[in-house]
Amino acid sequence: MMRQAVLDLKMPIDGAGMKRHEKRECREQMLSTARWLFTNRHPQHVFNPERLCQRLGIDVRRLSAQVFAKLTSERQEEIREGLRHYRCAFLPAA
């Protein structure tokens, strides 16, 4: 699940052969994944990133920071802009 989240965050959203609606759908998928990974919107849900990381013995804040740091600066800015109305519980720097 975490691996898929990282892949979604790195998903190309500006492909040359993509139609406008495909670009929009890919951008929404990427931002949806960013909301899931960085904001802790549903803390009691079984697939919450914090609960998954607890089961694996991983610090969710450290993981989120590492994932965010490995993204391109353009993608980081897109995520910051897309999450500007959300409180990023796991990634305060974003």
N, C-alpha and C. Protein backbone atom coordinates (compact mmCIF):
# COMPACT_ATOMS: atom_id res chain seq x y z
N MET A 1 0.83 -1.18 0.00
CA MET A 1 0.00 0.00 0.00
C MET A 1 0.88 1.25 0.00
N MET A 2 1.91 1.26 0.85
CA MET A 2 2.80 2.41 0.90
C MET A 2 3.57 2.55 -0.41
N ARG A 3 3.98 1.45 -0.98
CA ARG A 3 4.70 1.50 -2.25
C ARG A 3 3.82 2.10 -3.35
N GLN A 4 2.56 1.73 -3.38
CA GLN A 4 1.65 2.29 -4.36
C GLN A 4 1.46 3.79 -4.14
N ALA A 5 1.43 4.21 -2.89
CA ALA A 5 1.31 5.63 -2.59
C ALA A 5 2.50 6.41 -3.14
N VAL A 6 3.69 5.86 -2.96
CA VAL A 6 4.88 6.53 -3.48
C VAL A 6 4.83 6.58 -5.00
N LEU A 7 4.40 5.50 -5.63
CA LEU A 7 4.28 5.51 -7.08
C LEU A 7 3.26 6.54 -7.56
N ASP A 8 2.16 6.67 -6.85
CA ASP A 8 1.15 7.65 -7.21
C ASP A 8 1.67 9.07 -7.06
N LEU A 9 2.50 9.31 -6.05
CA LEU A 9 3.05 10.64 -5.87
C LEU A 9 4.02 11.01 -6.98
N LYS A 10 4.67 10.00 -7.56
CA LYS A 10 5.63 10.24 -8.64
C LYS A 10 4.99 10.12 -10.02
N MET A 11 3.71 9.87 -10.07
CA MET A 11 3.00 9.65 -11.32
C MET A 11 3.16 10.85 -12.27
N PRO A 12 3.50 10.58 -13.52
CA PRO A 12 3.59 11.69 -14.48
C PRO A 12 2.20 12.26 -14.74
N ILE A 13 2.09 13.56 -14.63
CA ILE A 13 0.78 14.19 -14.83
C ILE A 13 0.80 15.17 -15.99
N ASP A 14 1.91 15.18 -16.72
CA ASP A 14 2.02 16.11 -17.84
C ASP A 14 2.53 15.41 -19.09
N GLY A 15 2.11 14.17 -19.27
CA GLY A 15 2.56 13.38 -20.40
C GLY A 15 2.19 14.00 -21.74
N ALA A 16 3.08 13.89 -22.69
CA ALA A 16 2.87 14.51 -24.00
C ALA A 16 1.65 13.92 -24.72
N GLY A 17 1.43 12.62 -24.58
CA GLY A 17 0.33 11.98 -25.28
C GLY A 17 -0.98 11.96 -24.50
N MET A 18 -1.01 12.62 -23.36
CA MET A 18 -2.19 12.57 -22.51
C MET A 18 -3.20 13.64 -22.90
N LYS A 19 -4.45 13.27 -22.82
CA LYS A 19 -5.52 14.23 -23.06
C LYS A 19 -5.73 15.05 -21.80
N ARG A 20 -6.41 16.16 -21.94
CA ARG A 20 -6.63 17.07 -20.82
C ARG A 20 -7.31 16.38 -19.64
N HIS A 21 -8.34 15.58 -19.93
CA HIS A 21 -9.04 14.91 -18.82
C HIS A 21 -8.15 13.85 -18.17
N GLU A 22 -7.26 13.21 -18.93
CA GLU A 22 -6.33 12.24 -18.36
C GLU A 22 -5.33 12.93 -17.43
N LYS A 23 -4.84 14.10 -17.84
CA LYS A 23 -3.93 14.86 -17.00
C LYS A 23 -4.63 15.27 -15.71
N ARG A 24 -5.88 15.71 -15.82
CA ARG A 24 -6.64 16.13 -14.65
C ARG A 24 -6.85 14.95 -13.70
N GLU A 25 -7.21 13.78 -14.25
CA GLU A 25 -7.42 12.59 -13.43
C GLU A 25 -6.14 12.16 -12.72
N CYS A 26 -5.02 12.21 -13.43
CA CYS A 26 -3.73 11.83 -12.83
C CYS A 26 -3.34 12.81 -11.73
N ARG A 27 -3.58 14.09 -11.96
CA ARG A 27 -3.27 15.10 -10.94
C ARG A 27 -4.13 14.88 -9.70
N GLU A 28 -5.42 14.60 -9.90
CA GLU A 28 -6.30 14.35 -8.76
C GLU A 28 -5.89 13.10 -8.00
N GLN A 29 -5.47 12.05 -8.71
CA GLN A 29 -5.00 10.83 -8.05
C GLN A 29 -3.74 11.13 -7.22
N MET A 30 -2.83 11.90 -7.80
CA MET A 30 -1.60 12.26 -7.09
C MET A 30 -1.92 13.07 -5.84
N LEU A 31 -2.82 14.05 -5.94
CA LEU A 31 -3.18 14.88 -4.79
C LEU A 31 -3.97 14.08 -3.75
N SER A 32 -4.79 13.16 -4.20
CA SER A 32 -5.52 12.30 -3.28
C SER A 32 -4.55 11.45 -2.45
N THR A 33 -3.54 10.94 -3.11
CA THR A 33 -2.52 10.17 -2.41
C THR A 33 -1.75 11.04 -1.44
N ALA A 34 -1.43 12.27 -1.84
CA ALA A 34 -0.73 13.20 -0.95
C ALA A 34 -1.58 13.50 0.28
N ARG A 35 -2.88 13.69 0.08
CA ARG A 35 -3.77 13.92 1.23
C ARG A 35 -3.76 12.71 2.16
N TRP A 36 -3.80 11.52 1.58
CA TRP A 36 -3.80 10.30 2.38
C TRP A 36 -2.51 10.17 3.19
N LEU A 37 -1.37 10.42 2.55
CA LEU A 37 -0.08 10.19 3.18
C LEU A 37 0.32 11.29 4.16
N PHE A 38 -0.06 12.53 3.91
CA PHE A 38 0.46 13.64 4.70
C PHE A 38 -0.52 14.27 5.68
N THR A 39 -1.83 14.06 5.55
CA THR A 39 -2.75 14.84 6.37
C THR A 39 -3.44 14.11 7.51
N ASN A 40 -3.47 12.81 7.54
CA ASN A 40 -4.12 12.04 8.61
C ASN A 40 -5.61 12.40 8.74
N ARG A 41 -6.31 12.38 7.62
CA ARG A 41 -7.72 12.78 7.58
C ARG A 41 -8.64 11.81 8.29
N HIS A 42 -8.32 10.52 8.31
CA HIS A 42 -9.18 9.51 8.91
C HIS A 42 -8.34 8.67 9.89
N PRO A 43 -8.06 9.21 11.08
CA PRO A 43 -7.14 8.54 12.00
C PRO A 43 -7.59 7.16 12.47
N GLN A 44 -8.87 6.87 12.46
CA GLN A 44 -9.35 5.57 12.95
C GLN A 44 -9.48 4.52 11.86
N HIS A 45 -9.29 4.91 10.61
CA HIS A 45 -9.44 3.98 9.49
C HIS A 45 -8.32 2.94 9.51
N VAL A 46 -8.64 1.72 9.15
CA VAL A 46 -7.69 0.62 9.18
C VAL A 46 -6.52 0.85 8.20
N PHE A 47 -6.74 1.58 7.11
CA PHE A 47 -5.68 1.85 6.14
C PHE A 47 -5.07 3.23 6.32
N ASN A 48 -5.17 3.77 7.51
CA ASN A 48 -4.54 5.05 7.82
C ASN A 48 -3.03 4.87 7.82
N PRO A 49 -2.26 5.79 7.21
CA PRO A 49 -0.80 5.61 7.16
C PRO A 49 -0.15 5.48 8.53
N GLU A 50 -0.66 6.21 9.50
CA GLU A 50 -0.07 6.13 10.84
C GLU A 50 -0.26 4.74 11.44
N ARG A 51 -1.43 4.17 11.28
CA ARG A 51 -1.69 2.82 11.80
C ARG A 51 -0.86 1.78 11.06
N LEU A 52 -0.73 1.93 9.74
CA LEU A 52 0.10 1.01 8.97
C LEU A 52 1.55 1.07 9.43
N CYS A 53 2.05 2.29 9.62
CA CYS A 53 3.44 2.45 10.05
C CYS A 53 3.66 1.91 11.46
N GLN A 54 2.68 2.09 12.33
CA GLN A 54 2.81 1.54 13.68
C GLN A 54 2.96 0.03 13.64
N ARG A 55 2.16 -0.62 12.79
CA ARG A 55 2.24 -2.08 12.67
C ARG A 55 3.59 -2.53 12.13
N LEU A 56 4.19 -1.69 11.28
CA LEU A 56 5.48 -2.04 10.69
C LEU A 56 6.66 -1.57 11.53
N GLY A 57 6.39 -0.79 12.57
CA GLY A 57 7.46 -0.28 13.41
C GLY A 57 8.22 0.87 12.77
N ILE A 58 7.53 1.66 11.96
CA ILE A 58 8.15 2.78 11.24
C ILE A 58 7.58 4.09 11.78
N ASP A 59 8.43 5.11 11.87
CA ASP A 59 7.98 6.44 12.27
C ASP A 59 7.33 7.11 11.05
N VAL A 60 6.03 7.36 11.12
CA VAL A 60 5.28 7.89 9.99
C VAL A 60 5.75 9.29 9.59
N ARG A 61 6.13 10.11 10.55
CA ARG A 61 6.60 11.47 10.22
C ARG A 61 7.93 11.43 9.47
N ARG A 62 8.79 10.55 9.91
CA ARG A 62 10.09 10.40 9.24
C ARG A 62 9.88 9.84 7.82
N LEU A 63 9.03 8.85 7.69
CA LEU A 63 8.73 8.29 6.38
C LEU A 63 8.15 9.35 5.45
N SER A 64 7.19 10.12 5.93
CA SER A 64 6.58 11.17 5.12
C SER A 64 7.61 12.20 4.68
N ALA A 65 8.48 12.59 5.60
CA ALA A 65 9.51 13.57 5.27
C ALA A 65 10.48 13.02 4.21
N GLN A 66 10.82 11.74 4.32
CA GLN A 66 11.73 11.13 3.35
C GLN A 66 11.08 11.03 1.98
N VAL A 67 9.81 10.62 1.95
CA VAL A 67 9.09 10.51 0.67
C VAL A 67 9.00 11.89 0.03
N PHE A 68 8.64 12.90 0.81
CA PHE A 68 8.49 14.25 0.28
C PHE A 68 9.83 14.78 -0.24
N ALA A 69 10.91 14.53 0.50
CA ALA A 69 12.23 15.03 0.10
C ALA A 69 12.71 14.40 -1.20
N LYS A 70 12.27 13.18 -1.50
CA LYS A 70 12.72 12.50 -2.72
C LYS A 70 11.94 12.90 -3.96
N LEU A 71 10.88 13.68 -3.78
CA LEU A 71 10.12 14.16 -4.93
C LEU A 71 10.85 15.34 -5.56
N THR A 72 10.56 15.59 -6.83
CA THR A 72 11.16 16.75 -7.49
C THR A 72 10.62 18.04 -6.87
N SER A 73 11.35 19.10 -7.02
CA SER A 73 10.91 20.37 -6.43
C SER A 73 9.60 20.84 -7.05
N GLU A 74 9.39 20.55 -8.33
CA GLU A 74 8.13 20.92 -8.98
C GLU A 74 6.96 20.15 -8.36
N ARG A 75 7.17 18.86 -8.12
CA ARG A 75 6.12 18.04 -7.52
C ARG A 75 5.86 18.47 -6.08
N GLN A 76 6.92 18.80 -5.35
CA GLN A 76 6.75 19.29 -3.98
C GLN A 76 5.89 20.55 -3.97
N GLU A 77 6.15 21.44 -4.90
CA GLU A 77 5.37 22.68 -4.96
C GLU A 77 3.92 22.40 -5.33
N GLU A 78 3.69 21.46 -6.24
CA GLU A 78 2.32 21.07 -6.59
C GLU A 78 1.58 20.53 -5.37
N ILE A 79 2.25 19.71 -4.60
CA ILE A 79 1.64 19.13 -3.40
C ILE A 79 1.37 20.22 -2.36
N ARG A 80 2.34 21.10 -2.16
CA ARG A 80 2.11 22.21 -1.22
C ARG A 80 0.89 23.02 -1.63
N GLU A 81 0.81 23.32 -2.91
CA GLU A 81 -0.33 24.11 -3.41
C GLU A 81 -1.63 23.33 -3.27
N GLY A 82 -1.62 22.05 -3.60
CA GLY A 82 -2.82 21.22 -3.51
C GLY A 82 -3.30 20.98 -2.09
N LEU A 83 -2.39 21.02 -1.14
CA LEU A 83 -2.74 20.75 0.26
C LEU A 83 -2.77 22.02 1.12
N ARG A 84 -2.79 23.16 0.50
CA ARG A 84 -2.71 24.43 1.25
C ARG A 84 -3.87 24.61 2.22
N HIS A 85 -5.01 23.98 1.97
CA HIS A 85 -6.17 24.10 2.86
C HIS A 85 -6.26 22.98 3.89
N TYR A 86 -5.28 22.11 3.89
CA TYR A 86 -5.25 20.97 4.82
C TYR A 86 -4.15 21.16 5.85
N ARG A 87 -4.36 20.60 7.00
CA ARG A 87 -3.31 20.56 8.02
C ARG A 87 -2.51 19.29 7.78
N CYS A 88 -1.24 19.44 7.46
CA CYS A 88 -0.38 18.30 7.17
C CYS A 88 0.20 17.76 8.46
N ALA A 89 -0.50 16.84 9.07
CA ALA A 89 -0.12 16.30 10.38
C ALA A 89 1.22 15.59 10.35
N PHE A 90 1.53 14.92 9.27
CA PHE A 90 2.77 14.14 9.20
C PHE A 90 3.91 14.90 8.55
N LEU A 91 3.60 16.04 7.96
CA LEU A 91 4.62 16.77 7.22
C LEU A 91 4.44 18.27 7.42
N PRO A 92 4.75 18.79 8.60
CA PRO A 92 4.54 20.20 8.87
C PRO A 92 5.28 21.12 7.91
N ALA A 93 6.45 20.71 7.42
CA ALA A 93 7.24 21.55 6.53
C ALA A 93 6.55 21.76 5.18
N ALA A 94 5.65 20.85 4.83
CA ALA A 94 4.97 20.97 3.53
C ALA A 94 3.83 21.95 3.64
